[in-house]
Amino acid sequence: MPRPAASCRQAVLRRLLRPCCRLARAFAVTLSLAIATVQPAASNAAGNWAWPVEPPYRILRPFIAPATPYSAGHRGIDVAASSARVFAPSAGVVHFTGVVVDRPVLSIRHSGGLLSSYEPVIALVAQGQSVARGDLIGEVIPGHCSVPCIHFGVRRDGAYVSPLNYLGGIPRSILLPTR
C-alpha cells in the first residue's frame, strides 16, 4: 500500500536534514575546541559571570547540546582545575548540595531563571545560603576527568545552555554582506 503524501514528505525531510544536523554538531564541537583555552571576558549578557575555577581556563570537554531533552549530549563544560577551590560565578542562593548517583553536586540559583551546577564538588556552603560572585563555595575532588576538573553546567528556565554564554567565551555573531 503506498504511503500518504505527508508521510513521504516527512521521510524525505528527515533524510535531507540528518546530514545537516551532523554537520551542525561537528561545527559546534570544532568551534568549542577552537576556543578551548578562553580568555576572561570584560563583560557579558548575564552580568559578568566569573569562571568558577582559578586560571588558566582550559576546557577539557565542550558543551554539546542534545537534539532533544532526552538525547545524548554533554550538558555543560568540563574545566580543568588548577587548584581545588571552586568559586561562585555570580550572586545567587545555594539551591542544592548533596550526592547525585555517586558524585557530590552543588547548585546555585541565580537571577534571570538561571541555575548553575558543579560536580564533583564538596560544598563549603549550605542549602539556602546567599553567595556573592567570587565567594568560595566548594572543593574539587578527583574522579570526573583524568586530571582535576569540574563539570560546570547552566540551565536557563530548566533547559541546559552553554556556560560560555555567561562567561563570554562564545564570539558574537557578525552578519557580513554577501557581495
Foldseek 3Di string as FASTA:
>chain_A
DDDDPVVVVVVVVCVVCVVVVVVVQVVVQVLCQVCQFPDFDPFADVGRFDAQADDRWGWPGFWGAAPDPPGDTQLFTKTFHPFFWTWGRAKFFWADFDDDPHATKTWTQDPQQKIKMKINWHFPDDGGDIDGRGHTTTTFDDDDDPHTIMGIWMDHNRGTDYPCNGRVSDDDDDDDDPD
